[in-house]
Amino acid sequence: MKKREDRSPKIKALNAICASVLLCSAVYVMVAGMNIAAMGIMATSVVGLVTPVVLSGEGILEIVTGIFEAVFEGIAVIVVGFAEIISGFFG
């Protein structure tokens, strides 16, 4: 398996935005029920997460693992951002 290079900050930002929108709209769907607008927002965020992975993927397994990696990386960037904000208050 080839060594992966680190993703650019633009892709990391896109992953963070799409992951947060996906999580928020999923929570909204669970609380308020199915809604056309929420489902459209979820579909848009999934497409935003999947597009860079599909364009850089080489095989189906690489694409599937890349999608999960993009979602988890987006969530991690959000958590790190919150942690830096909180540490900025106390540091």
PDB file of N, CA and C in Angstrom:
ATOM      1  N   MET A   1       0.831  -1.167   0.000  1.00  0.00           N
ATOM      2  CA  MET A   1       0.000   0.000   0.000  1.00  0.00           C
ATOM      3  C   MET A   1       0.886   1.244   0.000  1.00  0.00           C
ATOM      4  N   LYS A   2       0.523   2.219  -0.788  1.00  0.00           N
ATOM      5  CA  LYS A   2       1.341   3.419  -0.861  1.00  0.00           C
ATOM      6  C   LYS A   2       1.119   4.327   0.343  1.00  0.00           C
ATOM      7  N   LYS A   3       2.133   5.107   0.630  1.00  0.00           N
ATOM      8  CA  LYS A   3       2.037   6.032   1.759  1.00  0.00           C
ATOM      9  C   LYS A   3       1.161   7.213   1.373  1.00  0.00           C
ATOM     10  N   ARG A   4       0.262   7.559   2.249  1.00  0.00           N
ATOM     11  CA  ARG A   4      -0.667   8.652   1.989  1.00  0.00           C
ATOM     12  C   ARG A   4      -0.070   9.985   2.381  1.00  0.00           C
ATOM     13  N   GLU A   5      -0.267  10.956   1.537  1.00  0.00           N
ATOM     14  CA  GLU A   5       0.158  12.308   1.899  1.00  0.00           C
ATOM     15  C   GLU A   5      -0.948  12.979   2.702  1.00  0.00           C
ATOM     16  N   ASP A   6      -0.565  13.968   3.473  1.00  0.00           N
ATOM     17  CA  ASP A   6      -1.528  14.686   4.305  1.00  0.00           C
ATOM     18  C   ASP A   6      -2.441  15.526   3.416  1.00  0.00           C
ATOM     19  N   ARG A   7      -3.696  15.627   3.814  1.00  0.00           N
ATOM     20  CA  ARG A   7      -4.650  16.409   3.028  1.00  0.00           C
ATOM     21  C   ARG A   7      -4.397  17.899   3.209  1.00  0.00           C
ATOM     22  N   SER A   8      -4.794  18.666   2.217  1.00  0.00           N
ATOM     23  CA  SER A   8      -4.606  20.110   2.269  1.00  0.00           C
ATOM     24  C   SER A   8      -5.578  20.727   3.285  1.00  0.00           C
ATOM     25  N   PRO A   9      -5.255  21.916   3.766  1.00  0.00           N
ATOM     26  CA  PRO A   9      -6.164  22.575   4.731  1.00  0.00           C
ATOM     27  C   PRO A   9      -7.543  22.862   4.142  1.00  0.00           C
ATOM     28  N   LYS A  10      -7.619  23.100   2.836  1.00  0.00           N
ATOM     29  CA  LYS A  10      -8.929  23.350   2.214  1.00  0.00           C
ATOM     30  C   LYS A  10      -9.811  22.110   2.286  1.00  0.00           C
ATOM     31  N   ILE A  11      -9.223  20.935   2.021  1.00  0.00           N
ATOM     32  CA  ILE A  11      -9.987  19.683   2.089  1.00  0.00           C
ATOM     33  C   ILE A  11     -10.376  19.390   3.533  1.00  0.00           C
ATOM     34  N   LYS A  12      -9.479  19.667   4.486  1.00  0.00           N
ATOM     35  CA  LYS A  12      -9.809  19.466   5.894  1.00  0.00           C
ATOM     36  C   LYS A  12     -10.964  20.374   6.318  1.00  0.00           C
ATOM     37  N   ALA A  13     -10.954  21.615   5.849  1.00  0.00           N
ATOM     38  CA  ALA A  13     -12.044  22.538   6.164  1.00  0.00           C
ATOM     39  C   ALA A  13     -13.351  22.068   5.544  1.00  0.00           C
ATOM     40  N   LEU A  14     -13.293  21.606   4.306  1.00  0.00           N
ATOM     41  CA  LEU A  14     -14.497  21.075   3.649  1.00  0.00           C
ATOM     42  C   LEU A  14     -15.029  19.871   4.402  1.00  0.00           C
ATOM     43  N   ASN A  15     -14.138  18.972   4.833  1.00  0.00           N
ATOM     44  CA  ASN A  15     -14.565  17.809   5.612  1.00  0.00           C
ATOM     45  C   ASN A  15     -15.202  18.226   6.926  1.00  0.00           C
ATOM     46  N   ALA A  16     -14.628  19.219   7.584  1.00  0.00           N
ATOM     47  CA  ALA A  16     -15.175  19.676   8.865  1.00  0.00           C
ATOM     48  C   ALA A  16     -16.554  20.292   8.681  1.00  0.00           C
ATOM     49  N   ILE A  17     -16.704  21.119   7.670  1.00  0.00           N
ATOM     50  CA  ILE A  17     -18.001  21.757   7.424  1.00  0.00           C
ATOM     51  C   ILE A  17     -19.049  20.719   7.056  1.00  0.00           C
ATOM     52  N   CYS A  18     -18.713  19.832   6.143  1.00  0.00           N
ATOM     53  CA  CYS A  18     -19.679  18.818   5.707  1.00  0.00           C
ATOM     54  C   CYS A  18     -20.024  17.848   6.833  1.00  0.00           C
ATOM     55  N   ALA A  19     -19.046  17.470   7.647  1.00  0.00           N
ATOM     56  CA  ALA A  19     -19.324  16.562   8.763  1.00  0.00           C
ATOM     57  C   ALA A  19     -20.218  17.223   9.795  1.00  0.00           C
ATOM     58  N   SER A  20     -19.960  18.498  10.087  1.00  0.00           N
ATOM     59  CA  SER A  20     -20.812  19.180  11.069  1.00  0.00           C
ATOM     60  C   SER A  20     -22.225  19.372  10.543  1.00  0.00           C
ATOM     61  N   VAL A  21     -22.369  19.704   9.276  1.00  0.00           N
ATOM     62  CA  VAL A  21     -23.705  19.854   8.690  1.00  0.00           C
ATOM     63  C   VAL A  21     -24.427  18.512   8.665  1.00  0.00           C
ATOM     64  N   LEU A  22     -23.700  17.443   8.350  1.00  0.00           N
ATOM     65  CA  LEU A  22     -24.298  16.113   8.324  1.00  0.00           C
ATOM     66  C   LEU A  22     -24.768  15.702   9.716  1.00  0.00           C
ATOM     67  N   LEU A  23     -23.952  15.934  10.727  1.00  0.00           N
ATOM     68  CA  LEU A  23     -24.339  15.577  12.092  1.00  0.00           C
ATOM     69  C   LEU A  23     -25.517  16.408  12.582  1.00  0.00           C
ATOM     70  N   CYS A  24     -25.486  17.700  12.323  1.00  0.00           N
ATOM     71  CA  CYS A  24     -26.585  18.570  12.762  1.00  0.00           C
ATOM     72  C   CYS A  24     -27.893  18.217  12.076  1.00  0.00           C
ATOM     73  N   SER A  25     -27.841  17.948  10.790  1.00  0.00           N
ATOM     74  CA  SER A  25     -29.074  17.601  10.086  1.00  0.00           C
ATOM     75  C   SER A  25     -29.565  16.213  10.483  1.00  0.00           C
ATOM     76  N   ALA A  26     -28.653  15.295  10.823  1.00  0.00           N
ATOM     77  CA  ALA A  26     -29.082  13.981  11.302  1.00  0.00           C
ATOM     78  C   ALA A  26     -29.784  14.101  12.650  1.00  0.00           C
ATOM     79  N   VAL A  27     -29.260  14.933  13.525  1.00  0.00           N
ATOM     80  CA  VAL A  27     -29.918  15.165  14.817  1.00  0.00           C
ATOM     81  C   VAL A  27     -31.276  15.823  14.599  1.00  0.00           C
ATOM     82  N   TYR A  28     -31.347  16.769  13.673  1.00  0.00           N
ATOM     83  CA  TYR A  28     -32.614  17.429  13.382  1.00  0.00           C
ATOM     84  C   TYR A  28     -33.647  16.429  12.866  1.00  0.00           C
ATOM     85  N   VAL A  29     -33.218  15.511  11.993  1.00  0.00           N
ATOM     86  CA  VAL A  29     -34.141  14.509  11.454  1.00  0.00           C
ATOM     87  C   VAL A  29     -34.620  13.587  12.569  1.00  0.00           C
ATOM     88  N   MET A  30     -33.726  13.254  13.509  1.00  0.00           N
ATOM     89  CA  MET A  30     -34.137  12.385  14.619  1.00  0.00           C
ATOM     90  C   MET A  30     -35.120  13.082  15.557  1.00  0.00           C
ATOM     91  N   VAL A  31     -34.946  14.375  15.759  1.00  0.00           N
ATOM     92  CA  VAL A  31     -35.801  15.104  16.692  1.00  0.00           C
ATOM     93  C   VAL A  31     -37.112  15.532  16.030  1.00  0.00           C
ATOM     94  N   ALA A  32     -37.014  16.153  14.865  1.00  0.00           N
ATOM     95  CA  ALA A  32     -38.190  16.749  14.238  1.00  0.00           C
ATOM     96  C   ALA A  32     -38.847  15.849  13.195  1.00  0.00           C
ATOM     97  N   GLY A  33     -38.190  14.813  12.780  1.00  0.00           N
ATOM     98  CA  GLY A  33     -38.748  13.923  11.779  1.00  0.00           C
ATOM     99  C   GLY A  33     -38.239  14.254  10.385  1.00  0.00           C
ATOM    100  N   MET A  34     -38.619  13.435   9.444  1.00  0.00           N
ATOM    101  CA  MET A  34     -38.177  13.616   8.061  1.00  0.00           C
ATOM    102  C   MET A  34     -38.718  14.925   7.499  1.00  0.00           C
ATOM    103  N   ASN A  35     -37.844  15.613   6.815  1.00  0.00           N
ATOM    104  CA  ASN A  35     -38.202  16.887   6.221  1.00  0.00           C
ATOM    105  C   ASN A  35     -37.446  16.989   4.900  1.00  0.00           C
ATOM    106  N   ILE A  36     -38.072  17.520   3.890  1.00  0.00           N
ATOM    107  CA  ILE A  36     -37.426  17.629   2.577  1.00  0.00           C
ATOM    108  C   ILE A  36     -36.169  18.478   2.657  1.00  0.00           C
ATOM    109  N   ALA A  37     -36.218  19.576   3.372  1.00  0.00           N
ATOM    110  CA  ALA A  37     -35.051  20.462   3.471  1.00  0.00           C
ATOM    111  C   ALA A  37     -33.907  19.773   4.204  1.00  0.00           C
ATOM    112  N   ALA A  38     -34.203  19.087   5.291  1.00  0.00           N
ATOM    113  CA  ALA A  38     -33.158  18.391   6.044  1.00  0.00           C
ATOM    114  C   ALA A  38     -32.540  17.270   5.221  1.00  0.00           C
ATOM    115  N   MET A  39     -33.347  16.555   4.488  1.00  0.00           N
ATOM    116  CA  MET A  39     -32.818  15.475   3.653  1.00  0.00           C
ATOM    117  C   MET A  39     -31.967  16.033   2.519  1.00  0.00           C
ATOM    118  N   GLY A  40     -32.368  17.170   1.963  1.00  0.00           N
ATOM    119  CA  GLY A  40     -31.562  17.808   0.921  1.00  0.00           C
ATOM    120  C   GLY A  40     -30.224  18.293   1.451  1.00  0.00           C
ATOM    121  N   ILE A  41     -30.237  18.841   2.665  1.00  0.00           N
ATOM    122  CA  ILE A  41     -28.992  19.290   3.289  1.00  0.00           C
ATOM    123  C   ILE A  41     -28.091  18.106   3.593  1.00  0.00           C
ATOM    124  N   MET A  42     -28.667  17.005   4.055  1.00  0.00           N
ATOM    125  CA  MET A  42     -27.873  15.806   4.314  1.00  0.00           C
ATOM    126  C   MET A  42     -27.245  15.277   3.025  1.00  0.00           C
ATOM    127  N   ALA A  43     -28.014  15.253   1.957  1.00  0.00           N
ATOM    128  CA  ALA A  43     -27.487  14.773   0.681  1.00  0.00           C
ATOM    129  C   ALA A  43     -26.368  15.668   0.167  1.00  0.00           C
ATOM    130  N   THR A  44     -26.526  16.963   0.324  1.00  0.00           N
ATOM    131  CA  THR A  44     -25.494  17.901  -0.118  1.00  0.00           C
ATOM    132  C   THR A  44     -24.211  17.723   0.681  1.00  0.00           C
ATOM    133  N   SER A  45     -24.328  17.534   1.993  1.00  0.00           N
ATOM    134  CA  SER A  45     -23.126  17.357   2.800  1.00  0.00           C
ATOM    135  C   SER A  45     -22.440  16.031   2.505  1.00  0.00           C
ATOM    136  N   VAL A  46     -23.204  14.987   2.220  1.00  0.00           N
ATOM    137  CA  VAL A  46     -22.598  13.708   1.849  1.00  0.00           C
ATOM    138  C   VAL A  46     -21.859  13.835   0.518  1.00  0.00           C
ATOM    139  N   VAL A  47     -22.446  14.526  -0.429  1.00  0.00           N
ATOM    140  CA  VAL A  47     -21.770  14.743  -1.716  1.00  0.00           C
ATOM    141  C   VAL A  47     -20.498  15.556  -1.521  1.00  0.00           C
ATOM    142  N   GLY A  48     -20.532  16.542  -0.636  1.00  0.00           N
ATOM    143  CA  GLY A  48     -19.342  17.333  -0.352  1.00  0.00           C
ATOM    144  C   GLY A  48     -18.236  16.511   0.279  1.00  0.00           C
ATOM    145  N   LEU A  49     -18.602  15.538   1.105  1.00  0.00           N
ATOM    146  CA  LEU A  49     -17.604  14.659   1.712  1.00  0.00           C
ATOM    147  C   LEU A  49     -17.058  13.641   0.723  1.00  0.00           C
ATOM    148  N   VAL A  50     -17.910  13.136  -0.135  1.00  0.00           N
ATOM    149  CA  VAL A  50     -17.537  12.025  -1.004  1.00  0.00           C
ATOM    150  C   VAL A  50     -16.754  12.466  -2.242  1.00  0.00           C
ATOM    151  N   THR A  51     -17.020  13.630  -2.769  1.00  0.00           N
ATOM    152  CA  THR A  51     -16.430  14.049  -4.043  1.00  0.00           C
ATOM    153  C   THR A  51     -14.903  14.043  -4.047  1.00  0.00           C
ATOM    154  N   PRO A  52     -14.211  14.670  -3.087  1.00  0.00           N
ATOM    155  CA  PRO A  52     -12.740  14.615  -3.137  1.00  0.00           C
ATOM    156  C   PRO A  52     -12.184  13.206  -2.979  1.00  0.00           C
ATOM    157  N   VAL A  53     -12.879  12.376  -2.199  1.00  0.00           N
ATOM    158  CA  VAL A  53     -12.418  11.006  -1.987  1.00  0.00           C
ATOM    159  C   VAL A  53     -12.557  10.191  -3.267  1.00  0.00           C
ATOM    160  N   VAL A  54     -13.677  10.349  -3.942  1.00  0.00           N
ATOM    161  CA  VAL A  54     -13.907   9.595  -5.174  1.00  0.00           C
ATOM    162  C   VAL A  54     -12.932  10.036  -6.266  1.00  0.00           C
ATOM    163  N   LEU A  55     -12.650  11.326  -6.335  1.00  0.00           N
ATOM    164  CA  LEU A  55     -11.732  11.813  -7.358  1.00  0.00           C
ATOM    165  C   LEU A  55     -10.304  11.352  -7.125  1.00  0.00           C
ATOM    166  N   SER A  56      -9.918  11.117  -5.871  1.00  0.00           N
ATOM    167  CA  SER A  56      -8.550  10.683  -5.595  1.00  0.00           C
ATOM    168  C   SER A  56      -8.443   9.185  -5.354  1.00  0.00           C
ATOM    169  N   GLY A  57      -9.561   8.471  -5.265  1.00  0.00           N
ATOM    170  CA  GLY A  57      -9.543   7.038  -4.978  1.00  0.00           C
ATOM    171  C   GLY A  57      -9.103   6.220  -6.174  1.00  0.00           C
ATOM    172  N   GLU A  58      -8.488   5.070  -5.868  1.00  0.00           N
ATOM    173  CA  GLU A  58      -8.004   4.189  -6.928  1.00  0.00           C
ATOM    174  C   GLU A  58      -8.848   2.940  -7.087  1.00  0.00           C
ATOM    175  N   GLY A  59      -9.477   2.502  -6.030  1.00  0.00           N
ATOM    176  CA  GLY A  59     -10.309   1.310  -6.078  1.00  0.00           C
ATOM    177  C   GLY A  59     -11.505   1.482  -5.179  1.00  0.00           C
ATOM    178  N   ILE A  60     -12.418   0.537  -5.229  1.00  0.00           N
ATOM    179  CA  ILE A  60     -13.649   0.659  -4.456  1.00  0.00           C
ATOM    180  C   ILE A  60     -13.370   0.598  -2.963  1.00  0.00           C
ATOM    181  N   LEU A  61     -12.445  -0.259  -2.546  1.00  0.00           N
ATOM    182  CA  LEU A  61     -12.115  -0.340  -1.126  1.00  0.00           C
ATOM    183  C   LEU A  61     -11.437   0.937  -0.649  1.00  0.00           C
ATOM    184  N   GLU A  62     -10.577   1.498  -1.476  1.00  0.00           N
ATOM    185  CA  GLU A  62      -9.915   2.767  -1.159  1.00  0.00           C
ATOM    186  C   GLU A  62     -10.935   3.897  -1.029  1.00  0.00           C
ATOM    187  N   ILE A  63     -11.948   3.901  -1.867  1.00  0.00           N
ATOM    188  CA  ILE A  63     -12.980   4.937  -1.823  1.00  0.00           C
ATOM    189  C   ILE A  63     -13.829   4.796  -0.566  1.00  0.00           C
ATOM    190  N   VAL A  64     -14.228   3.576  -0.227  1.00  0.00           N
ATOM    191  CA  VAL A  64     -15.070   3.359   0.955  1.00  0.00           C
ATOM    192  C   VAL A  64     -14.324   3.736   2.229  1.00  0.00           C
ATOM    193  N   THR A  65     -13.072   3.294   2.357  1.00  0.00           N
ATOM    194  CA  THR A  65     -12.307   3.657   3.543  1.00  0.00           C
ATOM    195  C   THR A  65     -12.005   5.159   3.568  1.00  0.00           C
ATOM    196  N   GLY A  66     -11.819   5.752   2.414  1.00  0.00           N
ATOM    197  CA  GLY A  66     -11.582   7.191   2.344  1.00  0.00           C
ATOM    198  C   GLY A  66     -12.782   8.003   2.783  1.00  0.00           C
ATOM    199  N   ILE A  67     -13.981   7.519   2.481  1.00  0.00           N
ATOM    200  CA  ILE A  67     -15.194   8.213   2.908  1.00  0.00           C
ATOM    201  C   ILE A  67     -15.297   8.215   4.431  1.00  0.00           C
ATOM    202  N   PHE A  68     -15.095   7.053   5.045  1.00  0.00           N
ATOM    203  CA  PHE A  68     -15.144   6.995   6.504  1.00  0.00           C
ATOM    204  C   PHE A  68     -14.028   7.831   7.129  1.00  0.00           C
ATOM    205  N   GLU A  69     -12.866   7.795   6.516  1.00  0.00           N
ATOM    206  CA  GLU A  69     -11.757   8.605   7.006  1.00  0.00           C
ATOM    207  C   GLU A  69     -12.075  10.097   6.922  1.00  0.00           C
ATOM    208  N   ALA A  70     -12.725  10.516   5.846  1.00  0.00           N
ATOM    209  CA  ALA A  70     -13.085  11.931   5.690  1.00  0.00           C
ATOM    210  C   ALA A  70     -14.098  12.360   6.742  1.00  0.00           C
ATOM    211  N   VAL A  71     -15.062  11.510   7.032  1.00  0.00           N
ATOM    212  CA  VAL A  71     -16.058  11.844   8.054  1.00  0.00           C
ATOM    213  C   VAL A  71     -15.400  11.959   9.419  1.00  0.00           C
ATOM    214  N   PHE A  72     -14.574  10.971   9.781  1.00  0.00           N
ATOM    215  CA  PHE A  72     -13.919  10.996  11.091  1.00  0.00           C
ATOM    216  C   PHE A  72     -12.898  12.116  11.187  1.00  0.00           C
ATOM    217  N   GLU A  73     -12.227  12.426  10.085  1.00  0.00           N
ATOM    218  CA  GLU A  73     -11.285  13.542  10.095  1.00  0.00           C
ATOM    219  C   GLU A  73     -12.021  14.868  10.273  1.00  0.00           C
ATOM    220  N   GLY A  74     -13.177  15.011   9.652  1.00  0.00           N
ATOM    221  CA  GLY A  74     -13.974  16.221   9.830  1.00  0.00           C
ATOM    222  C   GLY A  74     -14.436  16.396  11.255  1.00  0.00           C
ATOM    223  N   ILE A  75     -14.866  15.312  11.884  1.00  0.00           N
ATOM    224  CA  ILE A  75     -15.281  15.375  13.281  1.00  0.00           C
ATOM    225  C   ILE A  75     -14.087  15.698  14.174  1.00  0.00           C
ATOM    226  N   ALA A  76     -12.934  15.105  13.872  1.00  0.00           N
ATOM    227  CA  ALA A  76     -11.734  15.373  14.670  1.00  0.00           C
ATOM    228  C   ALA A  76     -11.304  16.828  14.564  1.00  0.00           C
ATOM    229  N   VAL A  77     -11.398  17.412  13.379  1.00  0.00           N
ATOM    230  CA  VAL A  77     -11.036  18.821  13.212  1.00  0.00           C
ATOM    231  C   VAL A  77     -11.967  19.715  14.034  1.00  0.00           C
ATOM    232  N   ILE A  78     -13.240  19.375  14.087  1.00  0.00           N
ATOM    233  CA  ILE A  78     -14.195  20.141  14.889  1.00  0.00           C
ATOM    234  C   ILE A  78     -13.843  20.051  16.371  1.00  0.00           C
ATOM    235  N   VAL A  79     -13.551  18.845  16.847  1.00  0.00           N
ATOM    236  CA  VAL A  79     -13.207  18.651  18.260  1.00  0.00           C
ATOM    237  C   VAL A  79     -11.920  19.394  18.610  1.00  0.00           C
ATOM    238  N   VAL A  80     -10.914  19.319  17.740  1.00  0.00           N
ATOM    239  CA  VAL A  80      -9.650  20.014  17.981  1.00  0.00           C
ATOM    240  C   VAL A  80      -9.881  21.530  18.000  1.00  0.00           C
ATOM    241  N   GLY A  81     -10.732  22.023  17.124  1.00  0.00           N
ATOM    242  CA  GLY A  81     -11.047  23.453  17.114  1.00  0.00           C
ATOM    243  C   GLY A  81     -11.683  23.919  18.412  1.00  0.00           C
ATOM    244  N   PHE A  82     -12.653  23.145  18.915  1.00  0.00           N
ATOM    245  CA  PHE A  82     -13.274  23.478  20.193  1.00  0.00           C
ATOM    246  C   PHE A  82     -12.263  23.421  21.328  1.00  0.00           C
ATOM    247  N   ALA A  83     -11.394  22.406  21.311  1.00  0.00           N
ATOM    248  CA  ALA A  83     -10.384  22.280  22.359  1.00  0.00           C
ATOM    249  C   ALA A  83      -9.418  23.457  22.340  1.00  0.00           C
ATOM    250  N   GLU A  84      -9.059  23.932  21.156  1.00  0.00           N
ATOM    251  CA  GLU A  84      -8.169  25.089  21.070  1.00  0.00           C
ATOM    252  C   GLU A  84      -8.855  26.365  21.546  1.00  0.00           C
ATOM    253  N   ILE A  85     -10.134  26.494  21.274  1.00  0.00           N
ATOM    254  CA  ILE A  85     -10.879  27.666  21.753  1.00  0.00           C
ATOM    255  C   ILE A  85     -10.924  27.653  23.277  1.00  0.00           C
ATOM    256  N   ILE A  86     -11.243  26.510  23.859  1.00  0.00           N
ATOM    257  CA  ILE A  86     -11.327  26.414  25.310  1.00  0.00           C
ATOM    258  C   ILE A  86      -9.948  26.618  25.945  1.00  0.00           C
ATOM    259  N   SER A  87      -8.905  26.033  25.346  1.00  0.00           N
ATOM    260  CA  SER A  87      -7.560  26.226  25.906  1.00  0.00           C
ATOM    261  C   SER A  87      -7.085  27.669  25.734  1.00  0.00           C
ATOM    262  N   GLY A  88      -7.605  28.362  24.758  1.00  0.00           N
ATOM    263  CA  GLY A  88      -7.268  29.775  24.588  1.00  0.00           C
ATOM    264  C   GLY A  88      -7.806  30.629  25.713  1.00  0.00           C
ATOM    265  N   PHE A  89      -8.945  30.231  26.271  1.00  0.00           N
ATOM    266  CA  PHE A  89      -9.500  30.975  27.398  1.00  0.00           C
ATOM    267  C   PHE A  89      -8.654  30.820  28.659  1.00  0.00           C
ATOM    268  N   PHE A  90      -8.069  29.636  28.839  1.00  0.00           N
ATOM    269  CA  PHE A  90      -7.321  29.354  30.044  1.00  0.00           C
ATOM    270  C   PHE A  90      -5.813  29.472  29.873  1.00  0.00           C
ATOM    271  N   GLY A  91      -5.344  29.664  28.643  1.00  0.00           N
ATOM    272  CA  GLY A  91      -3.894  29.696  28.405  1.00  0.00           C
ATOM    273  C   GLY A  91      -3.346  30.990  28.281  1.00  0.00           C
TER     274      GLY A  91
END
